[in-house]
């Protein structure tokens, strides 16, 4: 399986609903995320959340 996350303070943060056992070995591969809404700026919101917020204002 593949999970996505972000690095915060040199710690990989993934969706809290993903349950991995302690001591599970993982492979981390940095990716270039091209988000058409946020560009290189990051936010805790997804692009979809941002669009919904813009649409409701």
C-alpha atoms as a PDB file:
ATOM      1  CA  UNK A   1       0.000   0.000   0.000  1.00  0.00           C
ATOM      2  CA  UNK A   2       1.020   3.586  -0.531  1.00  0.00           C
ATOM      3  CA  UNK A   3       0.243   6.373   1.924  1.00  0.00           C
ATOM      4  CA  UNK A   4       0.960  10.058   1.550  1.00  0.00           C
ATOM      5  CA  UNK A   5       2.047  12.439   4.241  1.00  0.00           C
ATOM      6  CA  UNK A   6       4.116  15.519   4.885  1.00  0.00           C
ATOM      7  CA  UNK A   7       7.222  16.271   6.899  1.00  0.00           C
ATOM      8  CA  UNK A   8       6.783  18.491   9.958  1.00  0.00           C
ATOM      9  CA  UNK A   9       9.779  19.011  12.214  1.00  0.00           C
ATOM     10  CA  UNK A  10      11.636  16.069  10.595  1.00  0.00           C
ATOM     11  CA  UNK A  11       8.699  13.757  11.417  1.00  0.00           C
ATOM     12  CA  UNK A  12       6.544  12.138   8.745  1.00  0.00           C
ATOM     13  CA  UNK A  13       2.862  12.911   9.401  1.00  0.00           C
ATOM     14  CA  UNK A  14       0.262  10.704   7.684  1.00  0.00           C
ATOM     15  CA  UNK A  15      -3.515  10.473   7.914  1.00  0.00           C
ATOM     16  CA  UNK A  16      -4.403   9.609  11.523  1.00  0.00           C
ATOM     17  CA  UNK A  17      -6.804   6.916  10.282  1.00  0.00           C
ATOM     18  CA  UNK A  18      -3.865   4.906   8.900  1.00  0.00           C
ATOM     19  CA  UNK A  19      -2.892   2.317  11.482  1.00  0.00           C
ATOM     20  CA  UNK A  20       0.625   0.912  11.246  1.00  0.00           C
ATOM     21  CA  UNK A  21       2.134  -1.327  13.903  1.00  0.00           C
ATOM     22  CA  UNK A  22       5.041  -0.002  15.932  1.00  0.00           C
ATOM     23  CA  UNK A  23       8.385  -1.031  14.395  1.00  0.00           C
ATOM     24  CA  UNK A  24       6.852  -1.280  10.900  1.00  0.00           C
ATOM     25  CA  UNK A  25       9.622  -0.521   8.404  1.00  0.00           C
ATOM     26  CA  UNK A  26       8.675   2.016   5.745  1.00  0.00           C
ATOM     27  CA  UNK A  27      10.294   3.562   2.689  1.00  0.00           C
ATOM     28  CA  UNK A  28      10.062   7.333   2.297  1.00  0.00           C
ATOM     29  CA  UNK A  29      10.280   8.812  -1.205  1.00  0.00           C
ATOM     30  CA  UNK A  30      10.077  12.612  -1.529  1.00  0.00           C
ATOM     31  CA  UNK A  31       7.692  13.717  -4.282  1.00  0.00           C
ATOM     32  CA  UNK A  32       7.187  16.984  -6.118  1.00  0.00           C
ATOM     33  CA  UNK A  33       3.554  17.827  -5.434  1.00  0.00           C
ATOM     34  CA  UNK A  34       2.099  20.126  -8.045  1.00  0.00           C
ATOM     35  CA  UNK A  35      -1.075  21.372  -6.440  1.00  0.00           C
ATOM     36  CA  UNK A  36      -2.949  23.644  -8.875  1.00  0.00           C
ATOM     37  CA  UNK A  37      -4.595  25.518  -6.004  1.00  0.00           C
ATOM     38  CA  UNK A  38      -1.798  25.886  -3.455  1.00  0.00           C
ATOM     39  CA  UNK A  39       1.236  25.675  -5.757  1.00  0.00           C
ATOM     40  CA  UNK A  40       4.285  25.283  -3.536  1.00  0.00           C
ATOM     41  CA  UNK A  41       2.551  26.895  -0.545  1.00  0.00           C
ATOM     42  CA  UNK A  42       1.343  24.258   1.907  1.00  0.00           C
ATOM     43  CA  UNK A  43      -1.696  24.257   4.126  1.00  0.00           C
ATOM     44  CA  UNK A  44      -3.385  21.694   6.347  1.00  0.00           C
ATOM     45  CA  UNK A  45      -6.382  21.899   4.012  1.00  0.00           C
ATOM     46  CA  UNK A  46      -6.672  19.902   0.808  1.00  0.00           C
ATOM     47  CA  UNK A  47      -7.248  21.660  -2.499  1.00  0.00           C
ATOM     48  CA  UNK A  48     -10.860  20.448  -2.342  1.00  0.00           C
ATOM     49  CA  UNK A  49     -11.349  22.037   1.103  1.00  0.00           C
ATOM     50  CA  UNK A  50      -9.904  25.302  -0.174  1.00  0.00           C
ATOM     51  CA  UNK A  51     -12.259  25.299  -3.172  1.00  0.00           C
ATOM     52  CA  UNK A  52     -15.238  24.608  -0.899  1.00  0.00           C
ATOM     53  CA  UNK A  53     -14.193  27.472   1.381  1.00  0.00           C
ATOM     54  CA  UNK A  54     -13.814  29.874  -1.550  1.00  0.00           C
ATOM     55  CA  UNK A  55     -17.187  28.784  -2.924  1.00  0.00           C
ATOM     56  CA  UNK A  56     -18.965  29.426   0.374  1.00  0.00           C
ATOM     57  CA  UNK A  57     -17.607  32.963   0.803  1.00  0.00           C
END
